[in-house]
């Protein structure tokens, strides 16, 4: 039976990021929080990996961005969540930024990459993406940032993609199924989880590219 899911490549297909993702720049994000409610619970840490595309159309991680975040005024801090991620929100060595400062630190390079890759907007990539996007949107609204680079509701969810590609939806198990290393001691750090998620997303997209070239 002819494979209808991976159509053959043709000369008219380009390798630019903008054309590959319909004008969107995929940016991998992970947040660490003090609970599950984006409206009431504190955003404590955010990391992002900006992706780029080589001349053959394969994705790779270009730049990692990171910021510790101060709880916003009146934020709820759920102790169970803090015990899980091991974050002390008020530890002096965190050198945490306000939500506005942290998001601007992340957004400025994203906007620069969007311009460089001729993309009209960024699209968030994350493991269980609705959670991360919810916190990013809520913090952006609280910070009164008018130009959120991310699409407000569309995203790429690597939990779903890994379920399809590797038969696993848990990040650690998906990484292992993909042949990647996994350090449990580093897990639940925003930077580590984001970089692992970025690697998984790139592997899935690049494998699809390879299959297109084989047919």
N, C-alpha and C. Protein backbone atom coordinates (compact mmCIF):
# COMPACT_ATOMS: atom_id res chain seq x y z
N UNK A 1 0.84 -1.19 0.00
CA UNK A 1 0.00 0.00 0.00
C UNK A 1 0.88 1.25 0.00
N UNK A 2 0.52 2.21 -0.80
CA UNK A 2 1.29 3.45 -0.87
C UNK A 2 1.17 4.23 0.43
N UNK A 3 2.30 4.72 0.93
CA UNK A 3 2.31 5.48 2.17
C UNK A 3 1.81 6.89 1.91
N UNK A 4 0.64 7.22 2.48
CA UNK A 4 0.05 8.53 2.28
C UNK A 4 0.52 9.54 3.32
N UNK A 5 1.26 9.09 4.36
CA UNK A 5 1.66 9.99 5.43
C UNK A 5 2.97 10.71 5.14
N UNK A 6 3.79 10.16 4.30
CA UNK A 6 5.09 10.76 4.02
C UNK A 6 5.27 10.94 2.52
N UNK A 7 4.69 11.98 1.96
CA UNK A 7 4.78 12.20 0.52
C UNK A 7 6.21 12.47 0.10
N UNK A 8 6.57 12.08 -1.10
CA UNK A 8 7.95 12.29 -1.55
C UNK A 8 8.28 13.77 -1.66
N UNK A 9 9.55 14.08 -1.40
CA UNK A 9 10.02 15.45 -1.55
C UNK A 9 10.07 15.80 -3.03
N UNK A 10 9.91 17.06 -3.36
CA UNK A 10 10.08 17.51 -4.73
C UNK A 10 10.90 18.79 -4.73
N UNK A 11 11.36 19.17 -5.90
CA UNK A 11 12.29 20.30 -6.00
C UNK A 11 11.67 21.61 -5.55
N UNK A 12 10.36 21.70 -5.58
CA UNK A 12 9.72 22.96 -5.20
C UNK A 12 9.67 23.17 -3.69
N UNK A 13 9.91 22.08 -2.93
CA UNK A 13 9.87 22.19 -1.48
C UNK A 13 11.17 22.81 -0.97
N UNK A 14 11.05 23.85 -0.15
CA UNK A 14 12.20 24.56 0.36
C UNK A 14 12.61 24.00 1.72
N UNK A 15 13.71 24.53 2.24
CA UNK A 15 14.20 24.06 3.54
C UNK A 15 14.22 25.19 4.57
N UNK A 16 13.51 26.29 4.31
CA UNK A 16 13.48 27.36 5.29
C UNK A 16 12.52 27.03 6.41
N UNK A 17 12.83 27.56 7.60
CA UNK A 17 11.97 27.33 8.76
C UNK A 17 10.58 27.89 8.52
N UNK A 18 10.51 29.08 7.93
CA UNK A 18 9.23 29.73 7.70
C UNK A 18 8.31 28.88 6.84
N UNK A 19 8.85 28.27 5.80
CA UNK A 19 8.03 27.46 4.91
C UNK A 19 7.71 26.10 5.52
N UNK A 20 8.64 25.57 6.32
CA UNK A 20 8.41 24.26 6.94
C UNK A 20 7.26 24.30 7.94
N UNK A 21 7.15 25.41 8.69
CA UNK A 21 6.13 25.48 9.74
C UNK A 21 5.15 26.64 9.51
N UNK A 22 4.86 26.90 8.25
CA UNK A 22 3.81 27.85 7.86
C UNK A 22 4.01 29.23 8.50
N UNK A 23 5.25 29.68 8.49
CA UNK A 23 5.54 31.02 8.98
C UNK A 23 5.80 31.11 10.47
N UNK A 24 5.82 29.95 11.16
CA UNK A 24 6.04 29.96 12.61
C UNK A 24 7.43 29.43 12.95
N UNK A 25 8.02 30.00 13.99
CA UNK A 25 9.31 29.55 14.50
C UNK A 25 9.08 28.70 15.74
N UNK A 26 9.38 27.39 15.70
CA UNK A 26 9.22 26.57 16.89
C UNK A 26 10.25 26.95 17.96
N UNK A 27 9.79 27.20 19.16
CA UNK A 27 10.65 27.50 20.30
C UNK A 27 10.24 26.56 21.44
N UNK A 28 11.20 25.78 21.92
CA UNK A 28 10.91 24.79 22.96
C UNK A 28 10.97 25.47 24.32
N UNK A 29 9.95 25.22 25.15
CA UNK A 29 9.82 25.92 26.44
C UNK A 29 9.55 24.92 27.55
N UNK A 30 10.10 25.20 28.72
CA UNK A 30 9.72 24.47 29.93
C UNK A 30 9.63 25.47 31.08
N UNK A 31 8.59 25.35 31.89
CA UNK A 31 8.44 26.19 33.07
C UNK A 31 8.41 25.32 34.32
N UNK A 32 8.93 25.88 35.41
CA UNK A 32 8.78 25.28 36.73
C UNK A 32 7.91 26.23 37.53
N UNK A 33 6.94 25.68 38.24
CA UNK A 33 5.93 26.50 38.87
C UNK A 33 5.67 26.04 40.31
N UNK A 34 4.87 26.84 41.02
CA UNK A 34 4.49 26.52 42.40
C UNK A 34 3.06 26.00 42.45
N UNK A 35 2.64 25.29 41.43
CA UNK A 35 1.30 24.74 41.38
C UNK A 35 0.86 24.54 39.95
N UNK A 36 -0.42 24.24 39.77
CA UNK A 36 -0.95 23.90 38.46
C UNK A 36 -1.84 24.97 37.86
N UNK A 37 -2.20 26.00 38.64
CA UNK A 37 -3.11 27.03 38.17
C UNK A 37 -2.32 28.24 37.70
N UNK A 38 -2.33 28.50 36.40
CA UNK A 38 -1.52 29.57 35.83
C UNK A 38 -1.95 30.95 36.31
N UNK A 39 -3.21 31.09 36.72
CA UNK A 39 -3.72 32.40 37.16
C UNK A 39 -3.32 32.71 38.60
N UNK A 40 -3.17 31.69 39.44
CA UNK A 40 -2.96 31.93 40.87
C UNK A 40 -1.60 31.47 41.38
N UNK A 41 -0.98 30.50 40.72
CA UNK A 41 0.26 29.91 41.23
C UNK A 41 1.47 30.55 40.57
N UNK A 42 2.56 30.63 41.33
CA UNK A 42 3.75 31.36 40.88
C UNK A 42 4.49 30.64 39.76
N UNK A 43 4.94 31.42 38.80
CA UNK A 43 5.92 30.97 37.81
C UNK A 43 7.29 31.18 38.43
N UNK A 44 8.10 30.12 38.53
CA UNK A 44 9.36 30.19 39.26
C UNK A 44 10.60 30.10 38.36
N UNK A 45 10.47 29.48 37.20
CA UNK A 45 11.62 29.30 36.33
C UNK A 45 11.11 29.10 34.91
N UNK A 46 11.82 29.66 33.95
CA UNK A 46 11.45 29.46 32.55
C UNK A 46 12.72 29.29 31.73
N UNK A 47 12.68 28.35 30.82
CA UNK A 47 13.78 28.13 29.89
C UNK A 47 13.21 27.95 28.49
N UNK A 48 13.99 28.34 27.51
CA UNK A 48 13.56 28.22 26.11
C UNK A 48 14.75 27.86 25.24
N UNK A 49 14.51 27.02 24.25
CA UNK A 49 15.53 26.67 23.27
C UNK A 49 15.02 27.11 21.91
N UNK A 50 15.76 28.02 21.29
CA UNK A 50 15.44 28.47 19.94
C UNK A 50 16.02 27.48 18.94
N UNK A 51 15.20 27.06 18.00
CA UNK A 51 15.63 26.10 17.00
C UNK A 51 15.99 26.79 15.69
N UNK A 52 16.86 26.16 14.94
CA UNK A 52 17.22 26.65 13.61
C UNK A 52 17.23 25.47 12.65
N UNK A 53 17.40 25.76 11.38
CA UNK A 53 17.36 24.73 10.34
C UNK A 53 18.60 24.84 9.47
N UNK A 54 19.24 23.70 9.20
CA UNK A 54 20.43 23.73 8.34
C UNK A 54 20.04 23.73 6.87
N UNK A 55 21.04 23.74 6.00
CA UNK A 55 20.78 23.86 4.57
C UNK A 55 20.08 22.65 3.97
N UNK A 56 20.08 21.54 4.71
CA UNK A 56 19.40 20.33 4.23
C UNK A 56 17.99 20.19 4.80
N UNK A 57 17.59 21.15 5.62
CA UNK A 57 16.24 21.11 6.17
C UNK A 57 16.11 20.40 7.49
N UNK A 58 17.22 20.15 8.17
CA UNK A 58 17.18 19.46 9.46
C UNK A 58 17.26 20.46 10.60
N UNK A 59 16.47 20.21 11.65
CA UNK A 59 16.42 21.10 12.81
C UNK A 59 17.57 20.82 13.76
N UNK A 60 17.98 21.87 14.47
CA UNK A 60 18.96 21.73 15.55
C UNK A 60 18.73 22.84 16.57
N UNK A 61 19.19 22.60 17.79
CA UNK A 61 19.07 23.60 18.85
C UNK A 61 20.12 24.68 18.64
N UNK A 62 19.67 25.92 18.57
CA UNK A 62 20.58 27.02 18.28
C UNK A 62 21.00 27.78 19.54
N UNK A 63 20.05 28.02 20.46
CA UNK A 63 20.36 28.86 21.61
C UNK A 63 19.44 28.49 22.77
N UNK A 64 20.02 28.41 23.98
CA UNK A 64 19.24 28.15 25.19
C UNK A 64 19.15 29.43 26.02
N UNK A 65 17.95 29.75 26.45
CA UNK A 65 17.69 30.93 27.28
C UNK A 65 17.10 30.48 28.60
N UNK A 66 17.38 31.23 29.68
CA UNK A 66 16.92 30.78 30.98
C UNK A 66 16.79 31.94 31.95
N UNK A 67 15.82 31.86 32.85
CA UNK A 67 15.66 32.86 33.90
C UNK A 67 14.94 32.25 35.10
N UNK A 68 15.45 32.56 36.30
CA UNK A 68 14.70 32.31 37.53
C UNK A 68 13.72 33.46 37.71
N UNK A 69 12.54 33.16 38.26
CA UNK A 69 11.47 34.16 38.31
C UNK A 69 11.01 34.36 39.75
N UNK A 70 10.84 35.63 40.13
CA UNK A 70 10.29 35.96 41.44
C UNK A 70 8.79 35.70 41.43
N UNK A 71 8.24 35.13 42.50
CA UNK A 71 6.79 34.98 42.58
C UNK A 71 6.11 36.35 42.49
N UNK A 72 5.07 36.44 41.69
CA UNK A 72 4.36 37.72 41.59
C UNK A 72 3.62 38.01 42.90
N UNK A 73 3.30 39.25 43.11
CA UNK A 73 2.65 39.65 44.36
C UNK A 73 1.33 38.92 44.54
N UNK A 74 1.18 38.25 45.68
CA UNK A 74 -0.04 37.51 45.99
C UNK A 74 -0.08 36.11 45.42
N UNK A 75 1.02 35.67 44.82
CA UNK A 75 1.05 34.34 44.19
C UNK A 75 0.91 33.23 45.22
N UNK A 76 0.23 32.18 44.84
CA UNK A 76 0.13 30.98 45.68
C UNK A 76 1.38 30.13 45.50
N UNK A 77 1.89 29.59 46.61
CA UNK A 77 3.06 28.70 46.58
C UNK A 77 2.65 27.38 47.20
N UNK A 78 2.37 26.41 46.38
CA UNK A 78 1.96 25.10 46.86
C UNK A 78 3.19 24.31 47.31
N UNK A 79 3.21 23.90 48.56
CA UNK A 79 4.40 23.25 49.10
C UNK A 79 4.70 21.93 48.41
N UNK A 80 3.67 21.21 48.01
CA UNK A 80 3.89 19.93 47.31
C UNK A 80 4.62 20.17 45.99
N UNK A 81 4.27 21.24 45.30
CA UNK A 81 4.95 21.56 44.04
C UNK A 81 6.39 21.96 44.29
N UNK A 82 6.64 22.72 45.35
CA UNK A 82 8.01 23.12 45.68
C UNK A 82 8.85 21.92 46.08
N UNK A 83 8.26 20.98 46.81
CA UNK A 83 8.98 19.76 47.18
C UNK A 83 9.33 18.94 45.95
N UNK A 84 8.43 18.94 44.97
CA UNK A 84 8.64 18.15 43.76
C UNK A 84 9.78 18.71 42.91
N UNK A 85 9.79 20.05 42.70
CA UNK A 85 10.83 20.61 41.83
C UNK A 85 12.06 21.09 42.60
N UNK A 86 11.99 21.08 43.94
CA UNK A 86 13.16 21.41 44.74
C UNK A 86 13.55 22.88 44.73
N UNK A 87 12.61 23.75 44.40
CA UNK A 87 12.92 25.18 44.30
C UNK A 87 12.56 25.90 45.59
N UNK A 88 13.49 26.70 46.10
CA UNK A 88 13.21 27.64 47.19
C UNK A 88 13.02 29.00 46.54
N UNK A 89 11.79 29.48 46.44
CA UNK A 89 11.52 30.71 45.68
C UNK A 89 12.29 31.93 46.16
N UNK A 90 12.68 31.94 47.42
CA UNK A 90 13.32 33.12 47.98
C UNK A 90 14.79 32.91 48.31
N UNK A 91 15.39 31.87 47.75
CA UNK A 91 16.82 31.64 47.98
C UNK A 91 17.61 32.76 47.31
N UNK A 92 18.53 33.39 48.02
CA UNK A 92 19.24 34.55 47.46
C UNK A 92 20.10 34.22 46.25
N UNK A 93 20.58 32.98 46.15
CA UNK A 93 21.45 32.63 45.04
C UNK A 93 20.70 32.40 43.74
N UNK A 94 19.37 32.43 43.79
CA UNK A 94 18.59 32.26 42.56
C UNK A 94 18.76 33.47 41.63
N UNK A 95 19.01 34.64 42.22
CA UNK A 95 19.12 35.89 41.45
C UNK A 95 17.92 35.99 40.49
N UNK A 96 16.74 35.88 41.07
CA UNK A 96 15.52 35.82 40.27
C UNK A 96 15.12 37.19 39.73
N UNK A 97 14.50 37.17 38.56
CA UNK A 97 13.99 38.37 37.91
C UNK A 97 12.49 38.47 38.13
N UNK A 98 11.94 39.66 37.99
CA UNK A 98 10.49 39.79 37.97
C UNK A 98 9.96 39.07 36.73
N UNK A 99 8.67 38.81 36.72
CA UNK A 99 8.09 38.15 35.54
C UNK A 99 8.35 38.97 34.28
N UNK A 100 8.19 40.27 34.39
CA UNK A 100 8.41 41.13 33.22
C UNK A 100 9.85 41.02 32.74
N UNK A 101 10.80 41.12 33.65
CA UNK A 101 12.21 41.04 33.28
C UNK A 101 12.56 39.67 32.70
N UNK A 102 12.04 38.60 33.32
CA UNK A 102 12.33 37.25 32.86
C UNK A 102 11.78 37.01 31.46
N UNK A 103 10.55 37.43 31.22
CA UNK A 103 9.95 37.22 29.91
C UNK A 103 10.62 38.06 28.84
N UNK A 104 10.97 39.30 29.17
CA UNK A 104 11.66 40.13 28.18
C UNK A 104 13.03 39.53 27.85
N UNK A 105 13.68 38.94 28.85
CA UNK A 105 14.97 38.26 28.65
C UNK A 105 14.82 37.11 27.65
N UNK A 106 13.69 36.42 27.72
CA UNK A 106 13.41 35.30 26.82
C UNK A 106 12.90 35.80 25.46
N UNK A 107 12.03 36.79 25.49
CA UNK A 107 11.34 37.21 24.27
C UNK A 107 12.26 37.95 23.28
N UNK A 108 13.18 38.75 23.79
CA UNK A 108 14.02 39.55 22.90
C UNK A 108 14.80 38.67 21.91
N UNK A 109 15.51 37.62 22.35
CA UNK A 109 16.21 36.77 21.39
C UNK A 109 15.25 35.99 20.47
N UNK A 110 14.06 35.65 21.00
CA UNK A 110 13.09 34.95 20.15
C UNK A 110 12.65 35.85 19.00
N UNK A 111 12.36 37.11 19.31
CA UNK A 111 11.97 38.05 18.25
C UNK A 111 13.09 38.23 17.23
N UNK A 112 14.31 38.27 17.72
CA UNK A 112 15.47 38.40 16.82
C UNK A 112 15.57 37.19 15.90
N UNK A 113 15.36 35.99 16.46
CA UNK A 113 15.42 34.77 15.65
C UNK A 113 14.27 34.72 14.66
N UNK A 114 13.09 35.17 15.07
CA UNK A 114 11.95 35.22 14.15
C UNK A 114 12.28 36.07 12.93
N UNK A 115 12.87 37.22 13.18
CA UNK A 115 13.23 38.12 12.08
C UNK A 115 14.28 37.48 11.18
N UNK A 116 15.30 36.86 11.80
CA UNK A 116 16.38 36.26 11.03
C UNK A 116 15.88 35.11 10.16
N UNK A 117 14.88 34.36 10.66
CA UNK A 117 14.38 33.21 9.93
C UNK A 117 13.09 33.52 9.17
N UNK A 118 12.75 34.80 9.11
CA UNK A 118 11.61 35.29 8.32
C UNK A 118 10.30 34.63 8.74
N UNK A 119 10.14 34.46 10.06
CA UNK A 119 8.91 33.90 10.61
C UNK A 119 8.06 35.02 11.19
N UNK A 120 6.76 34.90 11.06
CA UNK A 120 5.86 35.96 11.51
C UNK A 120 5.53 35.83 12.98
N UNK A 121 5.71 34.63 13.55
CA UNK A 121 5.39 34.43 14.96
C UNK A 121 6.10 33.17 15.45
N UNK A 122 6.26 33.06 16.77
CA UNK A 122 6.80 31.84 17.36
C UNK A 122 5.65 30.92 17.74
N UNK A 123 5.94 29.62 17.78
CA UNK A 123 4.97 28.65 18.26
C UNK A 123 5.65 27.81 19.34
N UNK A 124 4.98 27.69 20.47
CA UNK A 124 5.57 27.01 21.62
C UNK A 124 5.57 25.50 21.43
N UNK A 125 6.72 24.91 21.74
CA UNK A 125 6.88 23.46 21.74
C UNK A 125 7.16 23.06 23.18
N UNK A 126 6.42 22.09 23.71
CA UNK A 126 6.65 21.68 25.09
C UNK A 126 6.06 20.31 25.33
N UNK A 127 6.48 19.69 26.43
CA UNK A 127 5.94 18.40 26.82
C UNK A 127 4.71 18.67 27.69
N UNK A 128 3.53 18.28 27.18
CA UNK A 128 2.24 18.71 27.75
C UNK A 128 2.14 20.23 27.63
N UNK A 129 2.12 20.67 26.39
CA UNK A 129 2.33 22.07 26.04
C UNK A 129 1.29 23.03 26.60
N UNK A 130 0.06 22.58 26.79
CA UNK A 130 -0.97 23.50 27.28
C UNK A 130 -0.62 24.05 28.66
N UNK A 131 0.08 23.24 29.48
CA UNK A 131 0.49 23.69 30.80
C UNK A 131 1.47 24.84 30.69
N UNK A 132 2.53 24.66 29.92
CA UNK A 132 3.56 25.69 29.78
C UNK A 132 3.01 26.94 29.11
N UNK A 133 2.23 26.76 28.07
CA UNK A 133 1.66 27.90 27.36
C UNK A 133 0.73 28.69 28.27
N UNK A 134 -0.03 28.00 29.11
CA UNK A 134 -0.92 28.68 30.04
C UNK A 134 -0.17 29.60 31.00
N UNK A 135 0.96 29.12 31.53
CA UNK A 135 1.75 29.93 32.45
C UNK A 135 2.44 31.08 31.72
N UNK A 136 2.93 30.83 30.51
CA UNK A 136 3.56 31.90 29.72
C UNK A 136 2.54 32.99 29.41
N UNK A 137 1.36 32.61 28.99
CA UNK A 137 0.33 33.59 28.66
C UNK A 137 -0.11 34.38 29.89
N UNK A 138 -0.28 33.69 31.02
CA UNK A 138 -0.73 34.37 32.23
C UNK A 138 0.31 35.36 32.72
N UNK A 139 1.59 34.96 32.70
CA UNK A 139 2.66 35.86 33.14
C UNK A 139 2.81 37.04 32.19
N UNK A 140 2.64 36.80 30.90
CA UNK A 140 2.70 37.88 29.92
C UNK A 140 1.59 38.90 30.16
N UNK A 141 0.41 38.40 30.46
CA UNK A 141 -0.73 39.29 30.74
C UNK A 141 -0.50 40.09 32.02
N UNK A 142 -0.01 39.42 33.07
CA UNK A 142 0.26 40.14 34.32
C UNK A 142 1.32 41.21 34.13
N UNK A 143 2.29 40.92 33.27
CA UNK A 143 3.40 41.84 33.04
C UNK A 143 3.04 42.97 32.07
N UNK A 144 1.83 42.90 31.51
CA UNK A 144 1.35 43.91 30.55
C UNK A 144 2.30 44.04 29.35
N UNK A 145 2.83 42.90 28.92
CA UNK A 145 3.66 42.87 27.72
C UNK A 145 2.72 42.76 26.52
N UNK A 146 2.80 43.72 25.64
CA UNK A 146 1.85 43.79 24.53
C UNK A 146 2.21 42.84 23.39
N UNK A 147 3.49 42.57 23.20
CA UNK A 147 3.90 41.78 22.05
C UNK A 147 4.41 40.41 22.50
N UNK A 148 3.49 39.53 22.81
CA UNK A 148 3.84 38.15 23.12
C UNK A 148 4.20 37.47 21.79
N UNK A 149 5.43 36.98 21.63
CA UNK A 149 5.82 36.40 20.34
C UNK A 149 5.12 35.08 20.04
N UNK A 150 4.60 34.41 21.08
CA UNK A 150 4.00 33.09 20.87
C UNK A 150 2.55 33.19 20.41
N UNK A 151 2.16 32.25 19.56
CA UNK A 151 0.76 32.11 19.21
C UNK A 151 -0.03 31.86 20.50
N UNK A 152 -1.18 32.51 20.67
CA UNK A 152 -1.87 32.44 21.96
C UNK A 152 -2.44 31.08 22.34
N UNK A 153 -2.70 30.21 21.36
CA UNK A 153 -3.29 28.92 21.72
C UNK A 153 -2.74 27.72 20.95
N UNK A 154 -2.13 27.93 19.81
CA UNK A 154 -1.56 26.82 19.06
C UNK A 154 -0.19 26.44 19.64
N UNK A 155 0.13 25.15 19.58
CA UNK A 155 1.40 24.67 20.11
C UNK A 155 1.72 23.31 19.51
N UNK A 156 2.97 22.88 19.70
CA UNK A 156 3.37 21.51 19.39
C UNK A 156 3.59 20.79 20.72
N UNK A 157 2.88 19.70 20.93
CA UNK A 157 2.98 18.95 22.18
C UNK A 157 3.84 17.71 21.97
N UNK A 158 5.03 17.68 22.57
CA UNK A 158 5.91 16.53 22.37
C UNK A 158 5.43 15.28 23.10
N UNK A 159 4.54 15.42 24.08
CA UNK A 159 3.96 14.22 24.69
C UNK A 159 3.18 13.44 23.64
N UNK A 160 2.41 14.15 22.83
CA UNK A 160 1.65 13.52 21.75
C UNK A 160 2.58 12.99 20.66
N UNK A 161 3.55 13.80 20.26
CA UNK A 161 4.48 13.40 19.21
C UNK A 161 5.31 12.18 19.63
N UNK A 162 5.73 12.15 20.90
CA UNK A 162 6.52 11.01 21.38
C UNK A 162 5.66 9.75 21.51
N UNK A 163 4.39 9.94 21.83
CA UNK A 163 3.49 8.79 21.84
C UNK A 163 3.39 8.16 20.47
N UNK A 164 3.36 9.00 19.44
CA UNK A 164 3.30 8.52 18.06
C UNK A 164 4.63 7.91 17.64
N UNK A 165 5.74 8.61 17.91
CA UNK A 165 7.04 8.20 17.39
C UNK A 165 7.69 7.08 18.18
N UNK A 166 7.51 7.10 19.52
CA UNK A 166 8.24 6.16 20.37
C UNK A 166 7.36 5.31 21.28
N UNK A 167 6.06 5.54 21.25
CA UNK A 167 5.17 4.76 22.11
C UNK A 167 5.28 5.12 23.57
N UNK A 168 5.82 6.30 23.87
CA UNK A 168 5.98 6.77 25.24
C UNK A 168 5.52 8.21 25.33
N UNK A 169 4.83 8.56 26.43
CA UNK A 169 4.38 9.93 26.62
C UNK A 169 5.06 10.62 27.79
N UNK A 170 5.72 9.86 28.67
CA UNK A 170 6.49 10.44 29.77
C UNK A 170 7.84 10.88 29.21
N UNK A 171 8.27 12.08 29.56
CA UNK A 171 9.48 12.65 28.97
C UNK A 171 10.70 11.75 29.14
N UNK A 172 10.93 11.27 30.35
CA UNK A 172 12.11 10.44 30.61
C UNK A 172 12.06 9.15 29.80
N UNK A 173 10.91 8.51 29.76
CA UNK A 173 10.77 7.25 29.02
C UNK A 173 10.88 7.48 27.51
N UNK A 174 10.35 8.61 27.04
CA UNK A 174 10.46 8.92 25.61
C UNK A 174 11.91 9.16 25.22
N UNK A 175 12.66 9.86 26.08
CA UNK A 175 14.07 10.10 25.80
C UNK A 175 14.84 8.79 25.73
N UNK A 176 14.58 7.90 26.65
CA UNK A 176 15.25 6.60 26.65
C UNK A 176 14.86 5.79 25.42
N UNK A 177 13.58 5.83 25.04
CA UNK A 177 13.13 5.10 23.86
C UNK A 177 13.77 5.66 22.59
N UNK A 178 14.11 6.94 22.62
CA UNK A 178 14.75 7.58 21.46
C UNK A 178 16.26 7.35 21.45
N UNK A 179 16.78 6.65 22.46
CA UNK A 179 18.22 6.39 22.51
C UNK A 179 19.02 7.50 23.14
N UNK A 180 18.34 8.42 23.84
CA UNK A 180 19.02 9.52 24.50
C UNK A 180 19.36 9.14 25.94
N UNK A 181 20.34 9.84 26.49
CA UNK A 181 20.65 9.65 27.91
C UNK A 181 19.65 10.44 28.74
N UNK A 182 19.47 10.04 29.99
CA UNK A 182 18.55 10.75 30.89
C UNK A 182 19.14 10.73 32.30
N UNK A 183 19.33 11.90 32.89
CA UNK A 183 19.89 12.05 34.23
C UNK A 183 18.77 12.47 35.17
N UNK A 184 18.32 11.55 36.00
CA UNK A 184 17.20 11.83 36.90
C UNK A 184 17.54 12.95 37.89
N UNK A 185 18.83 13.10 38.21
CA UNK A 185 19.22 14.15 39.15
C UNK A 185 19.07 15.54 38.53
N UNK A 186 19.18 15.63 37.22
CA UNK A 186 19.04 16.91 36.52
C UNK A 186 17.60 17.21 36.12
N UNK A 187 16.75 16.18 36.14
CA UNK A 187 15.36 16.34 35.71
C UNK A 187 14.63 17.34 36.60
N UNK A 188 13.64 18.00 36.02
CA UNK A 188 12.81 19.02 36.66
C UNK A 188 13.57 20.32 36.85
N UNK A 189 14.75 20.42 36.26
CA UNK A 189 15.38 21.71 36.03
C UNK A 189 14.87 22.21 34.69
N UNK A 190 14.45 23.46 34.62
CA UNK A 190 13.85 23.96 33.38
C UNK A 190 14.81 23.84 32.20
N UNK A 191 16.10 24.15 32.44
CA UNK A 191 17.06 24.08 31.34
C UNK A 191 17.22 22.64 30.85
N UNK A 192 17.41 21.71 31.77
CA UNK A 192 17.62 20.32 31.38
C UNK A 192 16.40 19.77 30.63
N UNK A 193 15.22 19.97 31.20
CA UNK A 193 14.02 19.44 30.57
C UNK A 193 13.77 20.08 29.20
N UNK A 194 14.07 21.36 29.08
CA UNK A 194 13.87 22.03 27.80
C UNK A 194 14.83 21.51 26.74
N UNK A 195 16.08 21.35 27.11
CA UNK A 195 17.06 20.86 26.14
C UNK A 195 16.78 19.42 25.74
N UNK A 196 16.31 18.60 26.67
CA UNK A 196 15.93 17.23 26.32
C UNK A 196 14.70 17.21 25.41
N UNK A 197 13.74 18.06 25.72
CA UNK A 197 12.54 18.15 24.88
C UNK A 197 12.89 18.65 23.48
N UNK A 198 13.80 19.61 23.41
CA UNK A 198 14.23 20.13 22.11
C UNK A 198 14.89 19.02 21.28
N UNK A 199 15.71 18.21 21.93
CA UNK A 199 16.37 17.11 21.23
C UNK A 199 15.35 16.12 20.70
N UNK A 200 14.34 15.81 21.51
CA UNK A 200 13.30 14.89 21.07
C UNK A 200 12.53 15.46 19.88
N UNK A 201 12.15 16.72 19.97
CA UNK A 201 11.39 17.34 18.88
C UNK A 201 12.20 17.34 17.59
N UNK A 202 13.48 17.70 17.70
CA UNK A 202 14.33 17.72 16.51
C UNK A 202 14.47 16.32 15.92
N UNK A 203 14.63 15.32 16.76
CA UNK A 203 14.76 13.94 16.26
C UNK A 203 13.51 13.50 15.51
N UNK A 204 12.35 13.82 16.04
CA UNK A 204 11.10 13.42 15.40
C UNK A 204 10.93 14.13 14.05
N UNK A 205 11.13 15.45 14.05
CA UNK A 205 10.97 16.21 12.80
C UNK A 205 12.02 15.79 11.78
N UNK A 206 13.25 15.58 12.23
CA UNK A 206 14.33 15.20 11.30
C UNK A 206 14.13 13.79 10.76
N UNK A 207 13.60 12.91 11.58
CA UNK A 207 13.32 11.55 11.10
C UNK A 207 12.25 11.58 10.01
N UNK A 208 11.26 12.43 10.19
CA UNK A 208 10.22 12.59 9.17
C UNK A 208 10.84 13.09 7.87
N UNK A 209 11.78 14.02 8.00
CA UNK A 209 12.48 14.54 6.83
C UNK A 209 13.24 13.43 6.12
N UNK A 210 13.90 12.58 6.89
CA UNK A 210 14.65 11.46 6.31
C UNK A 210 13.70 10.51 5.57
N UNK A 211 12.56 10.22 6.16
CA UNK A 211 11.61 9.31 5.52
C UNK A 211 11.09 9.90 4.22
N UNK A 212 10.87 11.20 4.18
CA UNK A 212 10.42 11.83 2.94
C UNK A 212 11.47 11.67 1.84
N UNK A 213 12.72 11.77 2.22
CA UNK A 213 13.80 11.66 1.22
C UNK A 213 13.98 10.24 0.71
N UNK A 214 13.52 9.26 1.52
CA UNK A 214 13.70 7.85 1.12
C UNK A 214 12.62 7.38 0.17
N UNK A 215 11.48 8.05 0.19
CA UNK A 215 10.33 7.55 -0.60
C UNK A 215 10.39 8.07 -2.03
